[in-house]
Amino acid sequence: RGLRGTMARMAQVLQDITRHQRDLNPPGAEI
């Protein structure tokens, strides 16, 4: 039950990392 909070936070952080990588890579990049 407590894992839900961790997964919600991880989903947000992955979005942050993806936004940064979009500034560094072309659309469709493997990363």
Full PDB file with SEQRES, HELIX, SHEET, SSBOND, CRYST1, ORIGX, SCALE, CONECT and MASTER records, all heavy atoms in Angstrom:
SEQRES   1 A   31  ARG GLY LEU ARG GLY THR MET ALA ARG MET ALA GLN VAL          
SEQRES   2 A   31  LEU GLN ASP ILE THR ARG HIS GLN ARG ASP LEU ASN PRO          
SEQRES   3 A   31  PRO GLY ALA GLU ILE                                          
HELIX    1 AA1 LEU A    3  ARG A   22  1                                  20    
CRYST1    1.000    1.000    1.000  90.00  90.00  90.00 P 1           1          
ORIGX1      1.000000  0.000000  0.000000        0.00000                         
ORIGX2      0.000000  1.000000  0.000000        0.00000                         
ORIGX3      0.000000  0.000000  1.000000        0.00000                         
SCALE1      1.000000  0.000000  0.000000        0.00000                         
SCALE2      0.000000  1.000000  0.000000        0.00000                         
SCALE3      0.000000  0.000000  1.000000        0.00000                         
ATOM      1  N   ARG A   1       0.837  -1.198   0.000  1.00  0.00           N  
ATOM      2  CA  ARG A   1       0.000   0.000   0.000  1.00  0.00           C  
ATOM      3  C   ARG A   1       0.879   1.257   0.000  1.00  0.00           C  
ATOM      4  O   ARG A   1       0.620   2.222  -0.713  1.00  0.00           O  
ATOM      5  CB  ARG A   1      -0.924  -0.014   1.220  1.00  0.00           C  
ATOM      6  CG  ARG A   1      -1.970   1.096   1.214  1.00  0.00           C  
ATOM      7  CD  ARG A   1      -2.775   1.051   2.507  1.00  0.00           C  
ATOM      8  NE  ARG A   1      -3.482  -0.216   2.649  1.00  0.00           N  
ATOM      9  CZ  ARG A   1      -4.694  -0.456   2.170  1.00  0.00           C  
ATOM     10  NH1 ARG A   1      -5.329   0.480   1.486  1.00  0.00           N  
ATOM     11  NH2 ARG A   1      -5.281  -1.628   2.359  1.00  0.00           N  
ATOM     12  N   GLY A   2       1.945   1.242   0.796  1.00  0.00           N  
ATOM     13  CA  GLY A   2       2.849   2.382   0.848  1.00  0.00           C  
ATOM     14  C   GLY A   2       3.639   2.578  -0.428  1.00  0.00           C  
ATOM     15  O   GLY A   2       4.142   3.673  -0.688  1.00  0.00           O  
ATOM     16  N   LEU A   3       3.734   1.515  -1.243  1.00  0.00           N  
ATOM     17  CA  LEU A   3       4.475   1.599  -2.503  1.00  0.00           C  
ATOM     18  C   LEU A   3       3.814   2.560  -3.487  1.00  0.00           C  
ATOM     19  O   LEU A   3       4.482   3.087  -4.382  1.00  0.00           O  
ATOM     20  CB  LEU A   3       4.581   0.197  -3.110  1.00  0.00           C  
ATOM     21  CG  LEU A   3       5.423   0.016  -4.368  1.00  0.00           C  
ATOM     22  CD1 LEU A   3       6.875   0.371  -4.100  1.00  0.00           C  
ATOM     23  CD2 LEU A   3       5.306  -1.439  -4.855  1.00  0.00           C  
ATOM     24  N   ARG A   4       2.534   2.817  -3.309  1.00  0.00           N  
ATOM     25  CA  ARG A   4       1.841   3.724  -4.228  1.00  0.00           C  
ATOM     26  C   ARG A   4       2.489   5.105  -4.246  1.00  0.00           C  
ATOM     27  O   ARG A   4       2.636   5.724  -5.299  1.00  0.00           O  
ATOM     28  CB  ARG A   4       0.365   3.840  -3.837  1.00  0.00           C  
ATOM     29  CG  ARG A   4      -0.450   2.605  -4.148  1.00  0.00           C  
ATOM     30  CD  ARG A   4      -1.890   2.765  -3.717  1.00  0.00           C  
ATOM     31  NE  ARG A   4      -2.535   3.878  -4.407  1.00  0.00           N  
ATOM     32  CZ  ARG A   4      -3.770   4.304  -4.109  1.00  0.00           C  
ATOM     33  NH1 ARG A   4      -4.459   3.722  -3.155  1.00  0.00           N  
ATOM     34  NH2 ARG A   4      -4.299   5.318  -4.775  1.00  0.00           N  
ATOM     35  N   GLY A   5       2.857   5.610  -3.072  1.00  0.00           N  
ATOM     36  CA  GLY A   5       3.478   6.919  -3.015  1.00  0.00           C  
ATOM     37  C   GLY A   5       4.806   6.963  -3.749  1.00  0.00           C  
ATOM     38  O   GLY A   5       5.110   7.932  -4.448  1.00  0.00           O  
ATOM     39  N   THR A   6       5.596   5.896  -3.592  1.00  0.00           N  
ATOM     40  CA  THR A   6       6.889   5.829  -4.277  1.00  0.00           C  
ATOM     41  C   THR A   6       6.711   5.822  -5.791  1.00  0.00           C  
ATOM     42  O   THR A   6       7.434   6.506  -6.518  1.00  0.00           O  
ATOM     43  CB  THR A   6       7.661   4.577  -3.834  1.00  0.00           C  
ATOM     44  OG1 THR A   6       7.833   4.604  -2.416  1.00  0.00           O  
ATOM     45  CG2 THR A   6       9.023   4.502  -4.501  1.00  0.00           C  
ATOM     46  N   MET A   7       5.738   5.044  -6.272  1.00  0.00           N  
ATOM     47  CA  MET A   7       5.525   4.961  -7.709  1.00  0.00           C  
ATOM     48  C   MET A   7       4.975   6.275  -8.272  1.00  0.00           C  
ATOM     49  O   MET A   7       5.322   6.678  -9.385  1.00  0.00           O  
ATOM     50  CB  MET A   7       4.580   3.803  -8.046  1.00  0.00           C  
ATOM     51  CG  MET A   7       5.179   2.417  -7.839  1.00  0.00           C  
ATOM     52  SD  MET A   7       6.646   2.092  -8.881  1.00  0.00           S  
ATOM     53  CE  MET A   7       7.970   2.250  -7.659  1.00  0.00           C  
ATOM     54  N   ALA A   8       4.139   6.958  -7.509  1.00  0.00           N  
ATOM     55  CA  ALA A   8       3.633   8.260  -7.963  1.00  0.00           C  
ATOM     56  C   ALA A   8       4.779   9.256  -8.089  1.00  0.00           C  
ATOM     57  O   ALA A   8       4.868  10.015  -9.058  1.00  0.00           O  
ATOM     58  CB  ALA A   8       2.573   8.779  -6.989  1.00  0.00           C  
ATOM     59  N   ARG A   9       5.674   9.245  -7.109  1.00  0.00           N  
ATOM     60  CA  ARG A   9       6.831  10.148  -7.151  1.00  0.00           C  
ATOM     61  C   ARG A   9       7.762   9.785  -8.298  1.00  0.00           C  
ATOM     62  O   ARG A   9       8.281  10.664  -9.008  1.00  0.00           O  
ATOM     63  CB  ARG A   9       7.574  10.075  -5.816  1.00  0.00           C  
ATOM     64  CG  ARG A   9       8.757  11.017  -5.685  1.00  0.00           C  
ATOM     65  CD  ARG A   9       8.317  12.469  -5.586  1.00  0.00           C  
ATOM     66  NE  ARG A   9       9.465  13.343  -5.399  1.00  0.00           N  
ATOM     67  CZ  ARG A   9       9.945  13.714  -4.214  1.00  0.00           C  
ATOM     68  NH1 ARG A   9       9.383  13.281  -3.101  1.00  0.00           N  
ATOM     69  NH2 ARG A   9      10.973  14.525  -4.146  1.00  0.00           N  
ATOM     70  N   MET A  10       7.981   8.476  -8.523  1.00  0.00           N  
ATOM     71  CA  MET A  10       8.884   8.053  -9.590  1.00  0.00           C  
ATOM     72  C   MET A  10       8.330   8.438 -10.953  1.00  0.00           C  
ATOM     73  O   MET A  10       9.086   8.827 -11.854  1.00  0.00           O  
ATOM     74  CB  MET A  10       9.102   6.528  -9.518  1.00  0.00           C  
ATOM     75  CG  MET A  10      10.212   6.026 -10.439  1.00  0.00           C  
ATOM     76  SD  MET A  10      11.821   6.708  -9.957  1.00  0.00           S  
ATOM     77  CE  MET A  10      12.670   6.700 -11.532  1.00  0.00           C  
ATOM     78  N   ALA A  11       7.019   8.337 -11.130  1.00  0.00           N  
ATOM     79  CA  ALA A  11       6.411   8.741 -12.398  1.00  0.00           C  
ATOM     80  C   ALA A  11       6.673  10.218 -12.670  1.00  0.00           C  
ATOM     81  O   ALA A  11       6.984  10.613 -13.804  1.00  0.00           O  
ATOM     82  CB  ALA A  11       4.905   8.461 -12.377  1.00  0.00           C  
ATOM     83  N   GLN A  12       6.593  11.045 -11.636  1.00  0.00           N  
ATOM     84  CA  GLN A  12       6.854  12.473 -11.793  1.00  0.00           C  
ATOM     85  C   GLN A  12       8.314  12.739 -12.132  1.00  0.00           C  
ATOM     86  O   GLN A  12       8.634  13.565 -13.002  1.00  0.00           O  
ATOM     87  CB  GLN A  12       6.463  13.208 -10.503  1.00  0.00           C  
ATOM     88  CG  GLN A  12       4.967  13.183 -10.233  1.00  0.00           C  
ATOM     89  CD  GLN A  12       4.621  13.642  -8.832  1.00  0.00           C  
ATOM     90  OE1 GLN A  12       5.477  13.685  -7.941  1.00  0.00           O  
ATOM     91  NE2 GLN A  12       3.358  13.986  -8.616  1.00  0.00           N  
ATOM     92  N   VAL A  13       9.214  12.029 -11.464  1.00  0.00           N  
ATOM     93  CA  VAL A  13      10.649  12.236 -11.706  1.00  0.00           C  
ATOM     94  C   VAL A  13      11.021  11.785 -13.114  1.00  0.00           C  
ATOM     95  O   VAL A  13      11.834  12.436 -13.792  1.00  0.00           O  
ATOM     96  CB  VAL A  13      11.474  11.490 -10.637  1.00  0.00           C  
ATOM     97  CG1 VAL A  13      12.952  11.482 -11.010  1.00  0.00           C  
ATOM     98  CG2 VAL A  13      11.287  12.139  -9.269  1.00  0.00           C  
ATOM     99  N   LEU A  14      10.451  10.681 -13.579  1.00  0.00           N  
ATOM    100  CA  LEU A  14      10.720  10.232 -14.943  1.00  0.00           C  
ATOM    101  C   LEU A  14      10.271  11.281 -15.966  1.00  0.00           C  
ATOM    102  O   LEU A  14      10.926  11.484 -16.989  1.00  0.00           O  
ATOM    103  CB  LEU A  14      10.017   8.901 -15.211  1.00  0.00           C  
ATOM    104  CG  LEU A  14      10.708   7.659 -14.648  1.00  0.00           C  
ATOM    105  CD1 LEU A  14       9.781   6.451 -14.726  1.00  0.00           C  
ATOM    106  CD2 LEU A  14      12.016   7.369 -15.382  1.00  0.00           C  
ATOM    107  N   GLN A  15       9.188  11.954 -15.684  1.00  0.00           N  
ATOM    108  CA  GLN A  15       8.747  13.031 -16.569  1.00  0.00           C  
ATOM    109  C   GLN A  15       9.759  14.174 -16.571  1.00  0.00           C  
ATOM    110  O   GLN A  15      10.042  14.764 -17.616  1.00  0.00           O  
ATOM    111  CB  GLN A  15       7.375  13.535 -16.145  1.00  0.00           C  
ATOM    112  CG  GLN A  15       6.244  12.570 -16.466  1.00  0.00           C  
ATOM    113  CD  GLN A  15       4.898  13.094 -16.026  1.00  0.00           C  
ATOM    114  OE1 GLN A  15       4.744  13.660 -14.944  1.00  0.00           O  
ATOM    115  NE2 GLN A  15       3.889  12.914 -16.860  1.00  0.00           N  
ATOM    116  N   ASP A  16      10.323  14.485 -15.393  1.00  0.00           N  
ATOM    117  CA  ASP A  16      11.346  15.537 -15.310  1.00  0.00           C  
ATOM    118  C   ASP A  16      12.579  15.163 -16.136  1.00  0.00           C  
ATOM    119  O   ASP A  16      13.123  15.984 -16.883  1.00  0.00           O  
ATOM    120  CB  ASP A  16      11.761  15.766 -13.853  1.00  0.00           C  
ATOM    121  CG  ASP A  16      10.643  16.370 -13.001  1.00  0.00           C  
ATOM    122  OD1 ASP A  16       9.701  16.934 -13.592  1.00  0.00           O  
ATOM    123  OD2 ASP A  16      10.719  16.260 -11.764  1.00  0.00           O  
ATOM    124  N   ILE A  17      13.039  13.912 -15.987  1.00  0.00           N  
ATOM    125  CA  ILE A  17      14.213  13.451 -16.730  1.00  0.00           C  
ATOM    126  C   ILE A  17      13.924  13.478 -18.231  1.00  0.00           C  
ATOM    127  O   ILE A  17      14.777  13.888 -19.038  1.00  0.00           O  
ATOM    128  CB  ILE A  17      14.615  12.033 -16.280  1.00  0.00           C  
ATOM    129  CG1 ILE A  17      15.054  12.049 -14.799  1.00  0.00           C  
ATOM    130  CG2 ILE A  17      15.743  11.483 -17.145  1.00  0.00           C  
ATOM    131  CD1 ILE A  17      15.301  10.663 -14.221  1.00  0.00           C  
ATOM    132  N   THR A  18      12.725  13.055 -18.616  1.00  0.00           N  
ATOM    133  CA  THR A  18      12.364  13.032 -20.035  1.00  0.00           C  
ATOM    134  C   THR A  18      12.338  14.441 -20.615  1.00  0.00           C  
ATOM    135  O   THR A  18      12.823  14.671 -21.741  1.00  0.00           O  
ATOM    136  CB  THR A  18      10.998  12.354 -20.222  1.00  0.00           C  
ATOM    137  OG1 THR A  18      11.061  11.015 -19.716  1.00  0.00           O  
ATOM    138  CG2 THR A  18      10.603  12.304 -21.687  1.00  0.00           C  
ATOM    139  N   ARG A  19      11.804  15.395 -19.866  1.00  0.00           N  
ATOM    140  CA  ARG A  19      11.778  16.777 -20.363  1.00  0.00           C  
ATOM    141  C   ARG A  19      13.194  17.298 -20.618  1.00  0.00           C  
ATOM    142  O   ARG A  19      13.461  17.964 -21.618  1.00  0.00           O  
ATOM    143  CB  ARG A  19      11.050  17.677 -19.356  1.00  0.00           C  
ATOM    144  CG  ARG A  19       9.541  17.653 -19.490  1.00  0.00           C  
ATOM    145  CD  ARG A  19       8.907  18.792 -18.710  1.00  0.00           C  
ATOM    146  NE  ARG A  19       9.088  18.631 -17.278  1.00  0.00           N  
ATOM    147  CZ  ARG A  19       8.222  18.003 -16.487  1.00  0.00           C  
ATOM    148  NH1 ARG A  19       7.120  17.481 -16.999  1.00  0.00           N  
ATOM    149  NH2 ARG A  19       8.441  17.909 -15.198  1.00  0.00           N  
ATOM    150  N   HIS A  20      14.093  16.985 -19.716  1.00  0.00           N  
ATOM    151  CA  HIS A  20      15.477  17.416 -19.906  1.00  0.00           C  
ATOM    152  C   HIS A  20      16.094  16.755 -21.128  1.00  0.00           C  
ATOM    153  O   HIS A  20      16.777  17.410 -21.933  1.00  0.00           O  
ATOM    154  CB  HIS A  20      16.302  17.090 -18.661  1.00  0.00           C  
ATOM    155  CG  HIS A  20      17.757  17.340 -18.813  1.00  0.00           C  
ATOM    156  ND1 HIS A  20      18.693  16.347 -18.627  1.00  0.00           N  
ATOM    157  CD2 HIS A  20      18.443  18.446 -19.165  1.00  0.00           C  
ATOM    158  CE1 HIS A  20      19.896  16.848 -18.864  1.00  0.00           C  
ATOM    159  NE2 HIS A  20      19.773  18.112 -19.181  1.00  0.00           N  
ATOM    160  N   GLN A  21      15.858  15.458 -21.304  1.00  0.00           N  
ATOM    161  CA  GLN A  21      16.447  14.737 -22.426  1.00  0.00           C  
ATOM    162  C   GLN A  21      15.849  15.181 -23.763  1.00  0.00           C  
ATOM    163  O   GLN A  21      16.516  15.101 -24.795  1.00  0.00           O  
ATOM    164  CB  GLN A  21      16.273  13.227 -22.232  1.00  0.00           C  
ATOM    165  CG  GLN A  21      17.178  12.638 -21.154  1.00  0.00           C  
ATOM    166  CD  GLN A  21      18.642  12.822 -21.474  1.00  0.00           C  
ATOM    167  OE1 GLN A  21      19.075  12.675 -22.609  1.00  0.00           O  
ATOM    168  NE2 GLN A  21      19.434  13.146 -20.454  1.00  0.00           N  
ATOM    169  N   ARG A  22      14.625  15.642 -23.765  1.00  0.00           N  
ATOM    170  CA  ARG A  22      14.033  16.156 -25.004  1.00  0.00           C  
ATOM    171  C   ARG A  22      14.781  17.394 -25.501  1.00  0.00           C  
ATOM    172  O   ARG A  22      14.807  17.671 -26.702  1.00  0.00           O  
ATOM    173  CB  ARG A  22      12.563  16.500 -24.784  1.00  0.00           C  
ATOM    174  CG  ARG A  22      11.630  15.312 -24.734  1.00  0.00           C  
ATOM    175  CD  ARG A  22      10.194  15.722 -25.005  1.00  0.00           C  
ATOM    176  NE  ARG A  22       9.285  14.608 -24.733  1.00  0.00           N  
ATOM    177  CZ  ARG A  22       8.455  14.559 -23.699  1.00  0.00           C  
ATOM    178  NH1 ARG A  22       8.411  15.551 -22.828  1.00  0.00           N  
ATOM    179  NH2 ARG A  22       7.650  13.527 -23.537  1.00  0.00           N  
ATOM    180  N   ASP A  23      15.362  18.145 -24.571  1.00  0.00           N  
ATOM    181  CA  ASP A  23      16.136  19.325 -24.969  1.00  0.00           C  
ATOM    182  C   ASP A  23      17.488  18.951 -25.560  1.00  0.00           C  
ATOM    183  O   ASP A  23      18.133  19.780 -26.207  1.00  0.00           O  
ATOM    184  CB  ASP A  23      16.362  20.241 -23.756  1.00  0.00           C  
ATOM    185  CG  ASP A  23      15.070  20.862 -23.247  1.00  0.00           C  
ATOM    186  OD1 ASP A  23      14.109  20.970 -24.044  1.00  0.00           O  
ATOM    187  OD2 ASP A  23      15.021  21.225 -22.051  1.00  0.00           O  
ATOM    188  N   LEU A  24      17.921  17.696 -25.330  1.00  0.00           N  
ATOM    189  CA  LEU A  24      19.253  17.271 -25.755  1.00  0.00           C  
ATOM    190  C   LEU A  24      19.240  16.283 -26.909  1.00  0.00           C  
ATOM    191  O   LEU A  24      20.290  16.010 -27.486  1.00  0.00           O  
ATOM    192  CB  LEU A  24      19.992  16.629 -24.569  1.00  0.00           C  
ATOM    193  CG  LEU A  24      20.127  17.473 -23.296  1.00  0.00           C  
ATOM    194  CD1 LEU A  24      20.771  16.645 -22.190  1.00  0.00           C  
ATOM    195  CD2 LEU A  24      20.931  18.731 -23.564  1.00  0.00           C  
ATOM    196  N   ASN A  25      18.066  15.737 -27.226  1.00  0.00           N  
ATOM    197  CA  ASN A  25      17.987  14.672 -28.228  1.00  0.00           C  
ATOM    198  C   ASN A  25      16.883  14.957 -29.233  1.00  0.00           C  
ATOM    199  O   ASN A  25      15.889  15.610 -28.909  1.00  0.00           O  
ATOM    200  CB  ASN A  25      17.691  13.323 -27.541  1.00  0.00           C  
ATOM    201  CG  ASN A  25      18.843  12.854 -26.677  1.00  0.00           C  
ATOM    202  OD1 ASN A  25      19.800  12.264 -27.157  1.00  0.00           O  
ATOM    203  ND2 ASN A  25      18.752  13.114 -25.373  1.00  0.00           N  
ATOM    204  N   PRO A  26      17.039  14.427 -30.463  1.00  0.00           N  
ATOM    205  CA  PRO A  26      15.978  14.580 -31.467  1.00  0.00           C  
ATOM    206  C   PRO A  26      14.787  13.695 -31.120  1.00  0.00           C  
ATOM    207  O   PRO A  26      14.923  12.713 -30.374  1.00  0.00           O  
ATOM    208  CB  PRO A  26      16.656  14.113 -32.756  1.00  0.00           C  
ATOM    209  CG  PRO A  26      17.702  13.147 -32.300  1.00  0.00           C  
ATOM    210  CD  PRO A  26      18.201  13.681 -30.980  1.00  0.00           C  
ATOM    211  N   PRO A  27      13.599  14.022 -31.628  1.00  0.00           N  
ATOM    212  CA  PRO A  27      12.432  13.154 -31.408  1.00  0.00           C  
ATOM    213  C   PRO A  27      12.718  11.734 -31.888  1.00  0.00           C  
ATOM    214  O   PRO A  27      13.362  11.518 -32.900  1.00  0.00           O  
ATOM    215  CB  PRO A  27      11.341  13.817 -32.264  1.00  0.00           C  
ATOM    216  CG  PRO A  27      11.776  15.239 -32.400  1.00  0.00           C  
ATOM    217  CD  PRO A  27      13.285  15.212 -32.433  1.00  0.00           C  
ATOM    218  N   GLY A  28      12.244  10.765 -31.113  1.00  0.00           N  
ATOM    219  CA  GLY A  28      12.443   9.369 -31.476  1.00  0.00           C  
ATOM    220  C   GLY A  28      13.766   8.786 -31.038  1.00  0.00           C  
ATOM    221  O   GLY A  28      14.057   7.626 -31.342  1.00  0.00           O  
ATOM    222  N   ALA A  29      14.583   9.553 -30.303  1.00  0.00           N  
ATOM    223  CA  ALA A  29      15.870   9.030 -29.826  1.00  0.00           C  
ATOM    224  C   ALA A  29      15.650   7.842 -28.890  1.00  0.00           C  
ATOM    225  O   ALA A  29      14.637   7.762 -28.184  1.00  0.00           O  
ATOM    226  CB  ALA A  29      16.644  10.136 -29.100  1.00  0.00           C  
ATOM    227  N   GLU A  30      16.606   6.927 -28.891  1.00  0.00           N  
ATOM    228  CA  GLU A  30      16.482   5.706 -28.099  1.00  0.00           C  
ATOM    229  C   GLU A  30      16.298   6.010 -26.615  1.00  0.00           C  
ATOM    230  O   GLU A  30      15.504   5.358 -25.936  1.00  0.00           O  
ATOM    231  CB  GLU A  30      17.721   4.829 -28.304  1.00  0.00           C  
ATOM    232  CG  GLU A  30      17.728   3.526 -27.504  1.00  0.00           C  
ATOM    233  CD  GLU A  30      16.675   2.529 -27.969  1.00  0.00           C  
ATOM    234  OE1 GLU A  30      16.033   2.769 -29.014  1.00  0.00           O  
ATOM    235  OE2 GLU A  30      16.486   1.513 -27.277  1.00  0.00           O  
ATOM    236  N   ILE A  31      16.998   7.008 -26.088  1.00  0.00           N  
ATOM    237  CA  ILE A  31      16.872   7.324 -24.667  1.00  0.00           C  
ATOM    238  C   ILE A  31      15.455   7.775 -24.344  1.00  0.00           C  
ATOM    239  O   ILE A  31      14.907   7.442 -23.289  1.00  0.00           O  
ATOM    240  CB  ILE A  31      17.909   8.399 -24.248  1.00  0.00           C  
ATOM    241  CG1 ILE A  31      17.863   8.628 -22.736  1.00  0.00           C  
ATOM    242  CG2 ILE A  31      17.685   9.711 -24.995  1.00  0.00           C  
ATOM    243  CD1 ILE A  31      18.295   7.471 -21.907  1.00  0.00           C  
TER     244      ILE A  31                                                      
MASTER        0    0    0    1    0    0    0    6  243    1    0    3          
END                                                                             
